[in-house]
C-alpha cells in the first residue's frame, strides 16, 4: 500500500491553448496559457483552442479523506471572475477523485458555490463540507462509493467563510 506522500496528484490549473504534443508550451508566448502543476513539469496540452477559451479549472482547496480513499476538490471554475469575463461561470464545482494505485482518478463532480473557498471530509469519510463564501453557507455533499451528491443541506452563516480545516490525524 502506498503512503499519501507517494501519491501523484497533478491538478489541471488551466488548459494550454497554443500547444500540441509536438510543440512544448511556451508561457512567454502571447495569448498562451500553460499548465504547470504537480511536479512543476509542463503537462496537459489542452483543447488546442484560443487562450481566451481555455478551460480554467482552478482548485481553491483540496482535502484527503480520513480513510485515504478519496480526494475532494473545490474548484472555482471561473465563478470568481467578473460578469463581463467570457470565462465566467455562475457556480464552481466540487470534484471527487479516487486514490487508486497511488494515482488520483476523477470519479465524480457536482455543481458547487460561487467563488467557494474551502473543503473538508467528515471524520467517517462519508461527507464533504464545502464553504460557499458568497452564499454565506456550509454545504454538505454525500460521498458514497465514488458517487458525489449534493444533499441540499446547508448551514447558514453570518459571514462568508474563507478558511476551513480539520484537526491533524
N, C-alpha and C. Protein backbone atom coordinates (compact mmCIF):
# COMPACT_ATOMS: atom_id res chain seq x y z
N UNK A 1 0.85 -1.19 0.00
CA UNK A 1 0.00 0.00 0.00
C UNK A 1 0.88 1.24 0.00
N UNK A 2 0.53 2.18 -0.86
CA UNK A 2 1.32 3.40 -0.95
C UNK A 2 0.90 4.37 0.14
N UNK A 3 1.85 5.13 0.61
CA UNK A 3 1.54 6.16 1.59
C UNK A 3 1.05 7.40 0.86
N UNK A 4 0.41 8.29 1.60
CA UNK A 4 -0.10 9.50 0.98
C UNK A 4 1.03 10.34 0.39
N UNK A 5 2.22 10.26 0.96
CA UNK A 5 3.33 11.05 0.44
C UNK A 5 3.79 10.54 -0.92
N UNK A 6 3.43 9.32 -1.30
CA UNK A 6 3.85 8.80 -2.59
C UNK A 6 2.77 8.92 -3.66
N UNK A 7 1.65 9.52 -3.31
CA UNK A 7 0.56 9.67 -4.27
C UNK A 7 0.89 10.79 -5.24
N UNK A 8 0.70 10.53 -6.51
CA UNK A 8 0.94 11.54 -7.54
C UNK A 8 -0.36 12.27 -7.79
N UNK A 9 -0.36 13.57 -7.53
CA UNK A 9 -1.56 14.37 -7.73
C UNK A 9 -1.19 15.61 -8.52
N UNK A 10 -1.59 15.66 -9.78
CA UNK A 10 -1.36 16.83 -10.61
C UNK A 10 -2.70 17.40 -11.02
N UNK A 11 -3.09 18.52 -10.45
CA UNK A 11 -4.37 19.14 -10.77
C UNK A 11 -4.19 20.06 -11.96
N UNK A 12 -5.11 19.99 -12.88
CA UNK A 12 -5.05 20.84 -14.07
C UNK A 12 -5.48 22.25 -13.66
N UNK A 13 -4.56 23.19 -13.76
CA UNK A 13 -4.86 24.56 -13.38
C UNK A 13 -5.42 25.36 -14.54
N UNK A 14 -5.00 25.07 -15.74
CA UNK A 14 -5.53 25.73 -16.92
C UNK A 14 -5.19 24.90 -18.14
N UNK A 15 -5.95 25.03 -19.17
CA UNK A 15 -5.69 24.30 -20.39
C UNK A 15 -4.83 25.15 -21.31
N UNK A 16 -3.73 24.59 -21.79
CA UNK A 16 -2.85 25.33 -22.69
C UNK A 16 -3.53 25.48 -24.03
N UNK A 17 -3.34 26.63 -24.67
CA UNK A 17 -4.06 26.90 -25.90
C UNK A 17 -3.23 26.72 -27.16
N UNK A 18 -1.97 27.12 -27.14
CA UNK A 18 -1.19 27.12 -28.36
C UNK A 18 -0.18 26.00 -28.40
N UNK A 19 -0.47 24.89 -27.76
CA UNK A 19 0.47 23.79 -27.66
C UNK A 19 -0.08 22.55 -28.34
N UNK A 20 0.82 21.68 -28.73
CA UNK A 20 0.43 20.38 -29.26
C UNK A 20 1.36 19.35 -28.66
N UNK A 21 1.15 18.09 -29.00
CA UNK A 21 2.02 17.04 -28.49
C UNK A 21 3.45 17.21 -28.97
N UNK A 22 3.62 17.87 -30.14
CA UNK A 22 4.95 18.06 -30.72
C UNK A 22 5.59 19.38 -30.33
N UNK A 23 4.79 20.34 -29.88
CA UNK A 23 5.30 21.66 -29.54
C UNK A 23 5.10 21.93 -28.06
N UNK A 24 6.19 22.07 -27.30
CA UNK A 24 6.04 22.37 -25.87
C UNK A 24 5.38 23.74 -25.68
N UNK A 25 4.73 23.89 -24.58
CA UNK A 25 4.07 25.15 -24.26
C UNK A 25 5.11 26.18 -23.85
N UNK A 26 5.00 27.38 -24.42
CA UNK A 26 5.89 28.49 -24.08
C UNK A 26 5.08 29.53 -23.32
N UNK A 27 5.24 29.61 -21.98
CA UNK A 27 4.44 30.55 -21.20
C UNK A 27 4.71 32.01 -21.53
N UNK A 28 5.80 32.29 -22.24
CA UNK A 28 6.11 33.67 -22.63
C UNK A 28 5.44 34.07 -23.94
N UNK A 29 4.89 33.10 -24.68
CA UNK A 29 4.25 33.41 -25.96
C UNK A 29 2.94 34.15 -25.72
N UNK A 30 2.61 35.12 -26.58
CA UNK A 30 1.36 35.86 -26.41
C UNK A 30 0.15 34.93 -26.52
N UNK A 31 -0.89 35.24 -25.76
CA UNK A 31 -2.17 34.52 -25.80
C UNK A 31 -2.03 33.03 -25.50
N UNK A 32 -1.09 32.66 -24.63
CA UNK A 32 -0.86 31.26 -24.30
C UNK A 32 -1.03 31.05 -22.81
N UNK A 33 -1.73 30.01 -22.46
CA UNK A 33 -1.85 29.60 -21.07
C UNK A 33 -1.27 28.21 -20.98
N UNK A 34 -0.27 28.01 -20.12
CA UNK A 34 0.37 26.71 -19.97
C UNK A 34 -0.05 26.07 -18.65
N UNK A 35 -0.19 24.77 -18.67
CA UNK A 35 -0.49 24.04 -17.45
C UNK A 35 0.82 23.67 -16.77
N UNK A 36 1.00 24.13 -15.55
CA UNK A 36 2.15 23.73 -14.75
C UNK A 36 1.57 23.33 -13.41
N UNK A 37 1.64 22.06 -13.08
CA UNK A 37 1.01 21.57 -11.85
C UNK A 37 1.77 20.38 -11.31
N UNK A 38 1.46 20.01 -10.11
CA UNK A 38 2.08 18.83 -9.52
C UNK A 38 3.57 19.01 -9.35
N UNK A 39 4.37 18.37 -10.20
CA UNK A 39 5.82 18.41 -10.08
C UNK A 39 6.41 19.69 -10.65
N UNK A 40 5.60 20.52 -11.30
CA UNK A 40 6.10 21.73 -11.93
C UNK A 40 6.47 21.52 -13.38
N UNK A 41 6.38 20.28 -13.86
CA UNK A 41 6.68 19.99 -15.27
C UNK A 41 5.48 20.37 -16.13
N UNK A 42 5.74 20.72 -17.38
CA UNK A 42 4.64 21.01 -18.28
C UNK A 42 3.84 19.74 -18.51
N UNK A 43 2.53 19.89 -18.61
CA UNK A 43 1.70 18.71 -18.72
C UNK A 43 0.67 18.81 -19.81
N UNK A 44 -0.57 18.65 -19.46
CA UNK A 44 -1.71 18.60 -20.36
C UNK A 44 -1.64 19.68 -21.42
N UNK A 45 -1.76 19.29 -22.69
CA UNK A 45 -1.64 20.24 -23.78
C UNK A 45 -2.92 20.98 -24.12
N UNK A 46 -4.02 20.61 -23.52
CA UNK A 46 -5.22 21.41 -23.63
C UNK A 46 -6.11 21.09 -24.80
N UNK A 47 -6.98 22.02 -25.09
CA UNK A 47 -8.02 21.79 -26.08
C UNK A 47 -7.67 22.36 -27.45
N UNK A 48 -6.47 22.88 -27.62
CA UNK A 48 -5.97 23.42 -28.88
C UNK A 48 -6.85 24.55 -29.44
N UNK A 49 -7.57 25.22 -28.57
CA UNK A 49 -8.37 26.37 -28.96
C UNK A 49 -7.66 27.66 -28.57
N UNK A 50 -8.30 28.80 -28.79
CA UNK A 50 -7.68 30.06 -28.41
C UNK A 50 -7.56 30.17 -26.88
N UNK A 51 -6.54 30.90 -26.43
CA UNK A 51 -6.29 31.02 -24.99
C UNK A 51 -7.48 31.60 -24.25
N UNK A 52 -8.24 32.48 -24.91
CA UNK A 52 -9.40 33.09 -24.24
C UNK A 52 -10.51 32.08 -23.98
N UNK A 53 -10.46 30.92 -24.63
CA UNK A 53 -11.46 29.88 -24.44
C UNK A 53 -10.94 28.73 -23.57
N UNK A 54 -9.73 28.88 -23.03
CA UNK A 54 -9.14 27.81 -22.22
C UNK A 54 -10.03 27.53 -21.01
N UNK A 55 -10.15 26.25 -20.67
CA UNK A 55 -10.98 25.84 -19.54
C UNK A 55 -10.22 26.08 -18.24
N UNK A 56 -10.63 27.09 -17.50
CA UNK A 56 -9.99 27.37 -16.21
C UNK A 56 -10.69 26.55 -15.14
N UNK A 57 -9.94 25.69 -14.50
CA UNK A 57 -10.48 24.75 -13.53
C UNK A 57 -9.64 24.90 -12.26
N UNK A 58 -9.71 26.08 -11.68
CA UNK A 58 -8.80 26.44 -10.60
C UNK A 58 -9.24 25.80 -9.29
N UNK A 59 -8.44 24.88 -8.75
CA UNK A 59 -8.78 24.32 -7.44
C UNK A 59 -8.48 25.33 -6.35
N UNK A 60 -9.48 25.67 -5.58
CA UNK A 60 -9.29 26.60 -4.47
C UNK A 60 -8.80 25.85 -3.24
N UNK A 61 -9.29 24.61 -3.06
CA UNK A 61 -8.91 23.84 -1.89
C UNK A 61 -9.05 22.36 -2.19
N UNK A 62 -8.31 21.55 -1.47
CA UNK A 62 -8.38 20.10 -1.59
C UNK A 62 -8.40 19.48 -0.20
N UNK A 63 -8.91 18.28 -0.12
CA UNK A 63 -8.93 17.53 1.15
C UNK A 63 -8.77 16.05 0.84
N UNK A 64 -8.02 15.36 1.67
CA UNK A 64 -7.88 13.90 1.57
C UNK A 64 -8.73 13.28 2.66
N UNK A 65 -9.54 12.29 2.29
CA UNK A 65 -10.44 11.66 3.26
C UNK A 65 -9.66 10.93 4.35
N UNK A 66 -10.21 10.88 5.56
CA UNK A 66 -9.53 10.19 6.65
C UNK A 66 -9.25 8.72 6.36
N UNK A 67 -10.10 8.07 5.54
CA UNK A 67 -9.85 6.66 5.22
C UNK A 67 -8.83 6.49 4.10
N UNK A 68 -8.35 7.61 3.51
CA UNK A 68 -7.32 7.56 2.49
C UNK A 68 -7.79 7.12 1.12
N UNK A 69 -9.11 7.06 0.89
CA UNK A 69 -9.64 6.58 -0.39
C UNK A 69 -9.98 7.69 -1.38
N UNK A 70 -10.18 8.91 -0.88
CA UNK A 70 -10.74 9.97 -1.71
C UNK A 70 -9.96 11.27 -1.57
N UNK A 71 -10.05 12.09 -2.63
CA UNK A 71 -9.59 13.47 -2.59
C UNK A 71 -10.77 14.32 -3.03
N UNK A 72 -11.13 15.28 -2.22
CA UNK A 72 -12.17 16.23 -2.57
C UNK A 72 -11.53 17.52 -3.05
N UNK A 73 -12.06 18.09 -4.13
CA UNK A 73 -11.52 19.33 -4.69
C UNK A 73 -12.66 20.32 -4.83
N UNK A 74 -12.44 21.50 -4.32
CA UNK A 74 -13.38 22.60 -4.52
C UNK A 74 -12.74 23.49 -5.57
N UNK A 75 -13.36 23.57 -6.76
CA UNK A 75 -12.82 24.35 -7.87
C UNK A 75 -13.72 25.54 -8.17
N UNK A 76 -13.11 26.71 -8.29
CA UNK A 76 -13.90 27.92 -8.60
C UNK A 76 -14.48 27.87 -10.00
N UNK A 77 -13.78 27.28 -10.95
CA UNK A 77 -14.24 27.12 -12.33
C UNK A 77 -14.76 28.42 -12.94
N UNK A 78 -14.08 29.52 -12.66
CA UNK A 78 -14.46 30.80 -13.24
C UNK A 78 -15.55 31.54 -12.50
N UNK A 79 -16.08 30.98 -11.41
CA UNK A 79 -17.15 31.64 -10.67
C UNK A 79 -16.64 32.85 -9.89
N UNK A 80 -15.33 33.01 -9.81
CA UNK A 80 -14.74 34.16 -9.13
C UNK A 80 -14.45 35.32 -10.08
N UNK A 81 -14.74 35.13 -11.37
CA UNK A 81 -14.45 36.16 -12.37
C UNK A 81 -15.61 37.15 -12.48
N UNK A 82 -15.31 38.33 -13.01
CA UNK A 82 -16.35 39.34 -13.19
C UNK A 82 -17.34 38.90 -14.26
N UNK A 83 -18.54 39.45 -14.20
CA UNK A 83 -19.62 39.02 -15.10
C UNK A 83 -19.31 39.32 -16.57
N UNK A 84 -18.42 40.24 -16.87
CA UNK A 84 -18.09 40.54 -18.27
C UNK A 84 -16.98 39.65 -18.82
N UNK A 85 -16.42 38.78 -18.01
CA UNK A 85 -15.34 37.89 -18.43
C UNK A 85 -15.94 36.68 -19.14
N UNK A 86 -15.47 36.33 -20.35
CA UNK A 86 -16.04 35.18 -21.07
C UNK A 86 -15.79 33.84 -20.37
N UNK A 87 -14.84 33.77 -19.45
CA UNK A 87 -14.58 32.54 -18.71
C UNK A 87 -15.42 32.38 -17.46
N UNK A 88 -16.31 33.32 -17.22
CA UNK A 88 -17.15 33.30 -16.01
C UNK A 88 -18.18 32.18 -16.06
N UNK A 89 -18.30 31.45 -14.98
CA UNK A 89 -19.40 30.51 -14.74
C UNK A 89 -20.08 30.93 -13.46
N UNK A 90 -21.37 30.74 -13.37
CA UNK A 90 -22.11 31.16 -12.19
C UNK A 90 -21.66 30.40 -10.95
N UNK A 91 -21.42 29.10 -11.10
CA UNK A 91 -21.05 28.27 -9.97
C UNK A 91 -19.73 27.55 -10.22
N UNK A 92 -19.05 27.23 -9.15
CA UNK A 92 -17.86 26.40 -9.23
C UNK A 92 -18.26 24.93 -9.24
N UNK A 93 -17.28 24.07 -8.97
CA UNK A 93 -17.52 22.63 -8.98
C UNK A 93 -16.93 21.99 -7.74
N UNK A 94 -17.55 20.92 -7.32
CA UNK A 94 -16.98 20.04 -6.30
C UNK A 94 -16.62 18.76 -7.03
N UNK A 95 -15.36 18.36 -6.95
CA UNK A 95 -14.87 17.21 -7.70
C UNK A 95 -14.39 16.15 -6.72
N UNK A 96 -14.69 14.90 -7.03
CA UNK A 96 -14.25 13.77 -6.21
C UNK A 96 -13.28 12.92 -7.03
N UNK A 97 -12.11 12.68 -6.46
CA UNK A 97 -11.12 11.82 -7.08
C UNK A 97 -10.91 10.60 -6.18
N UNK A 98 -10.74 9.44 -6.79
CA UNK A 98 -10.43 8.22 -6.05
C UNK A 98 -8.92 8.05 -6.06
N UNK A 99 -8.38 7.55 -4.97
CA UNK A 99 -6.96 7.23 -4.91
C UNK A 99 -6.83 5.75 -5.26
N UNK A 100 -6.27 5.50 -6.45
CA UNK A 100 -6.14 4.13 -6.96
C UNK A 100 -4.69 3.87 -7.36
N UNK A 101 -4.08 2.90 -6.73
CA UNK A 101 -2.70 2.54 -7.04
C UNK A 101 -1.77 3.75 -7.04
N UNK A 102 -1.97 4.61 -6.06
CA UNK A 102 -1.11 5.78 -5.91
C UNK A 102 -1.41 6.92 -6.86
N UNK A 103 -2.50 6.84 -7.63
CA UNK A 103 -2.87 7.89 -8.58
C UNK A 103 -4.24 8.45 -8.20
N UNK A 104 -4.44 9.72 -8.50
CA UNK A 104 -5.73 10.36 -8.30
C UNK A 104 -6.52 10.27 -9.59
N UNK A 105 -7.72 9.68 -9.53
CA UNK A 105 -8.56 9.47 -10.70
C UNK A 105 -9.91 10.14 -10.47
N UNK A 106 -10.30 11.04 -11.38
CA UNK A 106 -11.59 11.72 -11.23
C UNK A 106 -12.72 10.71 -11.39
N UNK A 107 -13.64 10.70 -10.41
CA UNK A 107 -14.77 9.77 -10.48
C UNK A 107 -16.12 10.48 -10.50
N UNK A 108 -16.18 11.73 -10.03
CA UNK A 108 -17.47 12.42 -10.00
C UNK A 108 -17.27 13.92 -9.83
N UNK A 109 -18.28 14.67 -10.23
CA UNK A 109 -18.29 16.11 -9.95
C UNK A 109 -19.73 16.56 -9.81
N UNK A 110 -19.90 17.67 -9.08
CA UNK A 110 -21.22 18.24 -8.85
C UNK A 110 -21.08 19.76 -8.84
N UNK A 111 -22.16 20.48 -9.16
CA UNK A 111 -22.09 21.94 -9.06
C UNK A 111 -21.77 22.36 -7.63
N UNK A 112 -21.00 23.43 -7.51
CA UNK A 112 -20.62 23.95 -6.19
C UNK A 112 -21.24 25.32 -5.96
N UNK A 113 -20.51 26.17 -5.23
CA UNK A 113 -20.98 27.51 -4.94
C UNK A 113 -20.25 28.55 -5.77
N UNK A 114 -20.64 29.80 -5.59
CA UNK A 114 -19.99 30.89 -6.30
C UNK A 114 -18.74 31.32 -5.53
N UNK A 115 -17.59 31.24 -6.17
CA UNK A 115 -16.30 31.61 -5.57
C UNK A 115 -16.12 30.94 -4.20
N UNK A 116 -16.48 29.66 -4.12
CA UNK A 116 -16.39 28.92 -2.86
C UNK A 116 -14.94 28.82 -2.41
N UNK A 117 -14.72 28.55 -1.13
CA UNK A 117 -13.39 28.66 -0.56
C UNK A 117 -12.76 27.35 -0.09
N UNK A 118 -13.35 26.64 0.85
CA UNK A 118 -12.68 25.51 1.47
C UNK A 118 -13.48 24.23 1.39
N UNK A 119 -12.80 23.11 1.74
CA UNK A 119 -13.44 21.80 1.68
C UNK A 119 -12.78 20.88 2.71
N UNK A 120 -13.57 20.09 3.41
CA UNK A 120 -13.06 19.08 4.34
C UNK A 120 -13.97 17.86 4.29
N UNK A 121 -13.41 16.72 4.66
CA UNK A 121 -14.20 15.50 4.84
C UNK A 121 -14.65 15.39 6.28
N UNK A 122 -15.79 14.74 6.49
CA UNK A 122 -16.19 14.41 7.85
C UNK A 122 -15.30 13.26 8.34
N UNK A 123 -15.26 13.03 9.64
CA UNK A 123 -14.37 12.03 10.23
C UNK A 123 -14.60 10.62 9.68
N UNK A 124 -15.83 10.33 9.24
CA UNK A 124 -16.14 8.99 8.72
C UNK A 124 -15.93 8.89 7.21
N UNK A 125 -15.46 9.94 6.56
CA UNK A 125 -15.19 9.99 5.12
C UNK A 125 -16.45 9.88 4.26
N UNK A 126 -17.62 10.02 4.85
CA UNK A 126 -18.87 9.84 4.10
C UNK A 126 -19.43 11.14 3.53
N UNK A 127 -18.92 12.27 3.99
CA UNK A 127 -19.43 13.56 3.53
C UNK A 127 -18.29 14.56 3.32
N UNK A 128 -18.53 15.48 2.40
CA UNK A 128 -17.67 16.64 2.22
C UNK A 128 -18.43 17.87 2.69
N UNK A 129 -17.76 18.73 3.43
CA UNK A 129 -18.33 20.01 3.83
C UNK A 129 -17.60 21.06 3.00
N UNK A 130 -18.37 21.86 2.26
CA UNK A 130 -17.80 22.84 1.34
C UNK A 130 -18.26 24.23 1.75
N UNK A 131 -17.31 25.17 1.78
CA UNK A 131 -17.62 26.55 2.12
C UNK A 131 -18.14 27.29 0.90
N UNK A 132 -19.32 27.84 1.00
CA UNK A 132 -19.89 28.71 -0.03
C UNK A 132 -19.75 30.14 0.48
N UNK A 133 -18.72 30.84 0.02
CA UNK A 133 -18.41 32.17 0.54
C UNK A 133 -19.49 33.20 0.20
N UNK A 134 -19.85 33.32 -1.06
CA UNK A 134 -20.82 34.32 -1.48
C UNK A 134 -22.19 34.04 -0.86
N UNK A 135 -22.56 32.77 -0.81
CA UNK A 135 -23.85 32.36 -0.27
C UNK A 135 -23.89 32.38 1.26
N UNK A 136 -22.70 32.52 1.90
CA UNK A 136 -22.56 32.52 3.36
C UNK A 136 -23.14 31.24 3.96
N UNK A 137 -22.65 30.10 3.45
CA UNK A 137 -23.15 28.80 3.87
C UNK A 137 -22.04 27.76 3.89
N UNK A 138 -22.28 26.71 4.66
CA UNK A 138 -21.54 25.46 4.54
C UNK A 138 -22.49 24.48 3.87
N UNK A 139 -22.02 23.79 2.84
CA UNK A 139 -22.86 22.84 2.10
C UNK A 139 -22.36 21.43 2.35
N UNK A 140 -23.28 20.48 2.40
CA UNK A 140 -22.95 19.09 2.68
C UNK A 140 -23.16 18.23 1.43
N UNK A 141 -22.09 17.52 1.02
CA UNK A 141 -22.13 16.62 -0.12
C UNK A 141 -21.88 15.19 0.36
N UNK A 142 -22.68 14.25 -0.11
CA UNK A 142 -22.52 12.84 0.26
C UNK A 142 -21.53 12.17 -0.68
N UNK A 143 -20.63 11.39 -0.10
CA UNK A 143 -19.67 10.58 -0.86
C UNK A 143 -20.06 9.13 -0.60
N UNK A 144 -20.48 8.44 -1.66
CA UNK A 144 -20.97 7.09 -1.47
C UNK A 144 -20.36 6.18 -2.54
N UNK A 145 -19.24 5.53 -2.22
CA UNK A 145 -18.60 4.60 -3.14
C UNK A 145 -18.20 5.20 -4.47
N UNK A 146 -17.87 6.47 -4.50
CA UNK A 146 -17.48 7.13 -5.74
C UNK A 146 -18.57 7.99 -6.33
N UNK A 147 -19.76 7.95 -5.76
CA UNK A 147 -20.84 8.82 -6.17
C UNK A 147 -20.77 10.08 -5.32
N UNK A 148 -20.96 11.24 -5.92
CA UNK A 148 -20.94 12.51 -5.21
C UNK A 148 -22.29 13.16 -5.40
N UNK A 149 -22.95 13.49 -4.29
CA UNK A 149 -24.30 14.05 -4.37
C UNK A 149 -24.45 15.21 -3.41
N UNK A 150 -24.95 16.33 -3.92
CA UNK A 150 -25.28 17.47 -3.08
C UNK A 150 -26.53 17.09 -2.29
N UNK A 151 -26.41 17.05 -0.97
CA UNK A 151 -27.55 16.65 -0.14
C UNK A 151 -28.61 17.75 -0.03
N UNK A 152 -28.22 18.98 -0.39
CA UNK A 152 -29.13 20.12 -0.23
C UNK A 152 -29.08 20.69 1.18
N UNK A 153 -28.43 20.02 2.10
CA UNK A 153 -28.31 20.51 3.48
C UNK A 153 -27.34 21.68 3.51
N UNK A 154 -27.73 22.76 4.18
CA UNK A 154 -26.90 23.95 4.30
C UNK A 154 -26.89 24.42 5.75
N UNK A 155 -25.75 24.96 6.15
CA UNK A 155 -25.63 25.62 7.44
C UNK A 155 -25.41 27.09 7.14
N UNK A 156 -26.36 27.92 7.51
CA UNK A 156 -26.28 29.36 7.25
C UNK A 156 -25.28 30.00 8.20
N UNK A 157 -24.52 30.94 7.68
CA UNK A 157 -23.52 31.68 8.47
C UNK A 157 -23.79 33.17 8.35
N UNK A 158 -23.26 33.94 9.28
CA UNK A 158 -23.47 35.39 9.23
C UNK A 158 -22.47 36.09 8.33
N UNK A 159 -21.41 35.41 7.94
CA UNK A 159 -20.40 35.97 7.05
C UNK A 159 -19.95 34.92 6.06
N UNK A 160 -19.20 35.35 5.05
CA UNK A 160 -18.69 34.42 4.06
C UNK A 160 -17.49 33.65 4.60
N UNK A 161 -17.58 32.32 4.70
CA UNK A 161 -16.47 31.53 5.23
C UNK A 161 -15.29 31.53 4.27
N UNK A 162 -14.08 31.60 4.80
CA UNK A 162 -12.92 31.64 3.92
C UNK A 162 -11.79 30.70 4.34
N UNK A 163 -11.95 29.96 5.42
CA UNK A 163 -10.91 29.01 5.81
C UNK A 163 -11.57 27.91 6.62
N UNK A 164 -11.33 26.67 6.22
CA UNK A 164 -11.93 25.52 6.87
C UNK A 164 -10.90 24.43 6.96
N UNK A 165 -10.68 23.87 8.12
CA UNK A 165 -9.68 22.82 8.32
C UNK A 165 -10.22 21.79 9.28
N UNK A 166 -9.61 20.60 9.24
CA UNK A 166 -9.90 19.57 10.24
C UNK A 166 -8.67 19.42 11.11
N UNK A 167 -8.82 18.73 12.23
CA UNK A 167 -7.68 18.52 13.12
C UNK A 167 -6.71 17.56 12.48
N UNK A 168 -5.42 17.70 12.74
CA UNK A 168 -4.43 16.75 12.19
C UNK A 168 -4.73 15.34 12.64
N UNK A 169 -4.41 14.39 11.78
CA UNK A 169 -4.64 13.00 12.11
C UNK A 169 -3.35 12.34 12.51
